Amino acid sequence: MALHLTKVAFGAASVEHLSERLALRAAEGQLFLTTRYLPKRHEEVAGAGSLFWILKHQLVARSAITGFGEAEGGRVAIFLAPPLVLVQARPKRAHQGWRYLEAADAPVDLGGDGMGVEAMPAELIGKLAELGLI
């Protein structure tokens, strides 16, 4: 089973804002984030796991992790696939850096089930999730 990482979407006001930021960075070249240290369990994450984004104390979206590499200044790059995938919102406390998330605890992707949830505004999805309706 895949292992995932979680990270706070620092500075993002909404899912739309996060999506726009990632799209702009992807347009400049390969999309990646940097961290000081290579995750100890990186082999379990690379190519099979995702980076789940925390926004307003909820897991709201994910980006597939395609691999790890070297970045400037001796840092580690976490390479991401550009499309941001909305997930069923789930409460998650904010934290610094990244944390592991087991596949069994990961929220499911929204959409593809005929309900049309992926067409809703992200803020509405967040409110519905807070009420426990999705």
C-alpha atoms as a PDB file:
ATOM      1  CA  MET A   1       0.000   0.000   0.000  1.00  0.00           C
ATOM      2  CA  ALA A   2       1.119   3.536  -0.727  1.00  0.00           C
ATOM      3  CA  LEU A   3       2.406   5.899   1.899  1.00  0.00           C
ATOM      4  CA  HIS A   4       1.568   9.605   1.645  1.00  0.00           C
ATOM      5  CA  LEU A   5       2.811  12.897   3.073  1.00  0.00           C
ATOM      6  CA  THR A   6       0.788  15.799   4.483  1.00  0.00           C
ATOM      7  CA  LYS A   7       1.759  19.456   4.356  1.00  0.00           C
ATOM      8  CA  VAL A   8       0.085  22.741   5.228  1.00  0.00           C
ATOM      9  CA  ALA A   9      -0.728  24.866   2.163  1.00  0.00           C
ATOM     10  CA  PHE A  10       1.018  27.864   3.723  1.00  0.00           C
ATOM     11  CA  GLY A  11      -0.122  31.192   2.303  1.00  0.00           C
ATOM     12  CA  ALA A  12      -3.008  29.697   0.306  1.00  0.00           C
ATOM     13  CA  ALA A  13      -6.351  31.355   1.025  1.00  0.00           C
ATOM     14  CA  SER A  14      -8.433  28.725  -0.769  1.00  0.00           C
ATOM     15  CA  VAL A  15      -8.171  25.576  -2.851  1.00  0.00           C
ATOM     16  CA  GLU A  16      -8.504  27.726  -5.976  1.00  0.00           C
ATOM     17  CA  HIS A  17      -5.559  29.853  -4.833  1.00  0.00           C
ATOM     18  CA  LEU A  18      -3.460  26.736  -4.151  1.00  0.00           C
ATOM     19  CA  SER A  19      -4.384  25.303  -7.545  1.00  0.00           C
ATOM     20  CA  GLU A  20      -3.412  28.547  -9.305  1.00  0.00           C
ATOM     21  CA  ARG A  21      -0.081  28.703  -7.457  1.00  0.00           C
ATOM     22  CA  LEU A  22       0.792  25.136  -8.402  1.00  0.00           C
ATOM     23  CA  ALA A  23      -0.267  25.698 -12.023  1.00  0.00           C
ATOM     24  CA  LEU A  24       1.965  28.792 -12.281  1.00  0.00           C
ATOM     25  CA  ARG A  25       4.941  26.912 -10.849  1.00  0.00           C
ATOM     26  CA  ALA A  26       4.302  23.967 -13.186  1.00  0.00           C
ATOM     27  CA  ALA A  27       4.231  26.357 -16.172  1.00  0.00           C
ATOM     28  CA  GLU A  28       7.786  27.450 -15.265  1.00  0.00           C
ATOM     29  CA  GLY A  29       9.087  23.877 -15.384  1.00  0.00           C
ATOM     30  CA  GLN A  30       8.928  20.752 -13.295  1.00  0.00           C
ATOM     31  CA  LEU A  31       6.786  21.239 -10.183  1.00  0.00           C
ATOM     32  CA  PHE A  32       8.571  20.568  -6.894  1.00  0.00           C
ATOM     33  CA  LEU A  33       8.768  21.584  -3.249  1.00  0.00           C
ATOM     34  CA  THR A  34      11.927  21.613  -1.191  1.00  0.00           C
ATOM     35  CA  THR A  35      12.666  20.293   2.265  1.00  0.00           C
ATOM     36  CA  ARG A  36      15.776  20.042   4.380  1.00  0.00           C
ATOM     37  CA  TYR A  37      15.862  16.285   4.746  1.00  0.00           C
ATOM     38  CA  LEU A  38      14.934  13.325   2.582  1.00  0.00           C
ATOM     39  CA  PRO A  39      12.032  11.465   4.227  1.00  0.00           C
ATOM     40  CA  LYS A  40      13.296   8.204   5.743  1.00  0.00           C
ATOM     41  CA  ARG A  41      10.462   6.307   4.083  1.00  0.00           C
ATOM     42  CA  HIS A  42      10.842   8.054   0.693  1.00  0.00           C
ATOM     43  CA  GLU A  43      10.982   4.772  -1.229  1.00  0.00           C
ATOM     44  CA  GLU A  44       7.457   3.932  -0.020  1.00  0.00           C
ATOM     45  CA  VAL A  45       6.195   7.357  -1.115  1.00  0.00           C
ATOM     46  CA  ALA A  46       7.885   7.958  -4.490  1.00  0.00           C
ATOM     47  CA  GLY A  47       5.755   7.107  -7.511  1.00  0.00           C
ATOM     48  CA  ALA A  48       2.893   5.637  -5.478  1.00  0.00           C
ATOM     49  CA  GLY A  49       2.083   8.242  -2.821  1.00  0.00           C
ATOM     50  CA  SER A  50       0.676  11.735  -2.798  1.00  0.00           C
ATOM     51  CA  LEU A  51       1.198  14.979  -0.940  1.00  0.00           C
ATOM     52  CA  PHE A  52      -2.064  15.814   0.825  1.00  0.00           C
ATOM     53  CA  TRP A  53      -2.603  19.531   1.359  1.00  0.00           C
ATOM     54  CA  ILE A  54      -3.970  20.899   4.641  1.00  0.00           C
ATOM     55  CA  LEU A  55      -5.998  24.082   4.291  1.00  0.00           C
ATOM     56  CA  LYS A  56      -7.968  25.598   7.171  1.00  0.00           C
ATOM     57  CA  HIS A  57      -7.392  22.502   9.324  1.00  0.00           C
ATOM     58  CA  GLN A  58      -8.702  20.074   6.712  1.00  0.00           C
ATOM     59  CA  LEU A  59      -7.128  17.748   4.153  1.00  0.00           C
ATOM     60  CA  VAL A  60      -8.680  19.149   0.977  1.00  0.00           C
ATOM     61  CA  ALA A  61      -6.584  18.102  -2.020  1.00  0.00           C
ATOM     62  CA  ARG A  62      -3.620  16.041  -3.107  1.00  0.00           C
ATOM     63  CA  SER A  63      -0.770  16.148  -5.598  1.00  0.00           C
ATOM     64  CA  ALA A  64       0.814  12.891  -6.752  1.00  0.00           C
ATOM     65  CA  ILE A  65       4.491  12.567  -5.757  1.00  0.00           C
ATOM     66  CA  THR A  66       6.515  11.455  -8.772  1.00  0.00           C
ATOM     67  CA  GLY A  67       9.885  11.274  -7.047  1.00  0.00           C
ATOM     68  CA  PHE A  68      12.631  12.876  -4.995  1.00  0.00           C
ATOM     69  CA  GLY A  69      15.835  14.597  -6.050  1.00  0.00           C
ATOM     70  CA  GLU A  70      18.398  17.232  -5.218  1.00  0.00           C
ATOM     71  CA  ALA A  71      17.651  20.947  -5.034  1.00  0.00           C
ATOM     72  CA  GLU A  72      19.804  24.046  -4.541  1.00  0.00           C
ATOM     73  CA  GLY A  73      21.703  24.505  -1.310  1.00  0.00           C
ATOM     74  CA  GLY A  74      21.823  20.823  -0.416  1.00  0.00           C
ATOM     75  CA  ARG A  75      18.052  20.635  -0.012  1.00  0.00           C
ATOM     76  CA  VAL A  76      15.806  17.807  -1.193  1.00  0.00           C
ATOM     77  CA  ALA A  77      13.207  18.291  -3.947  1.00  0.00           C
ATOM     78  CA  ILE A  78       9.831  16.555  -3.763  1.00  0.00           C
ATOM     79  CA  PHE A  79       8.603  16.330  -7.369  1.00  0.00           C
ATOM     80  CA  LEU A  80       4.834  16.632  -7.866  1.00  0.00           C
ATOM     81  CA  ALA A  81       2.452  15.911 -10.735  1.00  0.00           C
ATOM     82  CA  PRO A  82       0.725  19.186 -11.749  1.00  0.00           C
ATOM     83  CA  PRO A  83      -2.974  18.345 -11.453  1.00  0.00           C
ATOM     84  CA  LEU A  84      -4.412  19.097  -8.030  1.00  0.00           C
ATOM     85  CA  VAL A  85      -6.971  16.429  -7.102  1.00  0.00           C
ATOM     86  CA  LEU A  86      -9.766  17.393  -4.705  1.00  0.00           C
ATOM     87  CA  VAL A  87     -10.397  14.884  -1.933  1.00  0.00           C
ATOM     88  CA  GLN A  88     -13.199  14.339   0.527  1.00  0.00           C
ATOM     89  CA  ALA A  89     -12.360  16.919   3.197  1.00  0.00           C
ATOM     90  CA  ARG A  90     -11.200  15.478   6.484  1.00  0.00           C
ATOM     91  CA  PRO A  91     -10.157  17.329   9.649  1.00  0.00           C
ATOM     92  CA  LYS A  92      -6.391  17.491  10.158  1.00  0.00           C
ATOM     93  CA  ARG A  93      -4.444  19.609  12.600  1.00  0.00           C
ATOM     94  CA  ALA A  94      -1.852  21.939  11.153  1.00  0.00           C
ATOM     95  CA  HIS A  95       1.826  21.053  11.643  1.00  0.00           C
ATOM     96  CA  GLN A  96       5.234  22.240  10.550  1.00  0.00           C
ATOM     97  CA  GLY A  97       7.017  20.460   7.738  1.00  0.00           C
ATOM     98  CA  TRP A  98       5.562  17.214   6.416  1.00  0.00           C
ATOM     99  CA  ARG A  99       4.121  14.147   8.121  1.00  0.00           C
ATOM    100  CA  TYR A 100       3.365  10.626   6.922  1.00  0.00           C
ATOM    101  CA  LEU A 101      -0.198   9.494   6.165  1.00  0.00           C
ATOM    102  CA  GLU A 102      -0.942   5.789   5.780  1.00  0.00           C
ATOM    103  CA  ALA A 103      -3.003   4.790   2.740  1.00  0.00           C
ATOM    104  CA  ALA A 104      -5.784   3.423   4.954  1.00  0.00           C
ATOM    105  CA  ASP A 105      -6.164   6.865   6.584  1.00  0.00           C
ATOM    106  CA  ALA A 106      -6.087   8.884   3.346  1.00  0.00           C
ATOM    107  CA  PRO A 107      -9.304  10.571   2.199  1.00  0.00           C
ATOM    108  CA  VAL A 108     -10.867   9.440  -1.078  1.00  0.00           C
ATOM    109  CA  ASP A 109     -10.842  11.535  -4.240  1.00  0.00           C
ATOM    110  CA  LEU A 110     -13.927  13.574  -5.104  1.00  0.00           C
ATOM    111  CA  GLY A 111     -15.620  13.180  -8.449  1.00  0.00           C
ATOM    112  CA  GLY A 112     -15.987  10.351 -10.863  1.00  0.00           C
ATOM    113  CA  ASP A 113     -18.967   8.962  -8.955  1.00  0.00           C
ATOM    114  CA  GLY A 114     -21.648  10.840 -10.916  1.00  0.00           C
ATOM    115  CA  MET A 115     -22.487  13.191  -8.025  1.00  0.00           C
ATOM    116  CA  GLY A 116     -20.942  16.239  -9.705  1.00  0.00           C
ATOM    117  CA  VAL A 117     -19.051  17.265  -6.574  1.00  0.00           C
ATOM    118  CA  GLU A 118     -15.933  18.176  -8.547  1.00  0.00           C
ATOM    119  CA  ALA A 119     -17.930  20.943 -10.294  1.00  0.00           C
ATOM    120  CA  MET A 120     -18.802  22.652  -6.977  1.00  0.00           C
ATOM    121  CA  PRO A 121     -16.776  25.593  -5.692  1.00  0.00           C
ATOM    122  CA  ALA A 122     -14.095  24.439  -3.248  1.00  0.00           C
ATOM    123  CA  GLU A 123     -15.449  26.658  -0.463  1.00  0.00           C
ATOM    124  CA  LEU A 124     -18.869  25.005  -0.767  1.00  0.00           C
ATOM    125  CA  ILE A 125     -17.214  21.585  -0.653  1.00  0.00           C
ATOM    126  CA  GLY A 126     -15.410  22.662   2.528  1.00  0.00           C
ATOM    127  CA  LYS A 127     -18.645  23.830   4.164  1.00  0.00           C
ATOM    128  CA  LEU A 128     -20.456  20.618   3.211  1.00  0.00           C
ATOM    129  CA  ALA A 129     -17.565  18.602   4.616  1.00  0.00           C
ATOM    130  CA  GLU A 130     -17.671  20.563   7.890  1.00  0.00           C
ATOM    131  CA  LEU A 131     -21.353  19.647   8.177  1.00  0.00           C
ATOM    132  CA  GLY A 132     -20.558  16.011   7.442  1.00  0.00           C
ATOM    133  CA  LEU A 133     -22.646  15.972   4.271  1.00  0.00           C
ATOM    134  CA  ILE A 134     -19.880  14.776   1.956  1.00  0.00           C
END
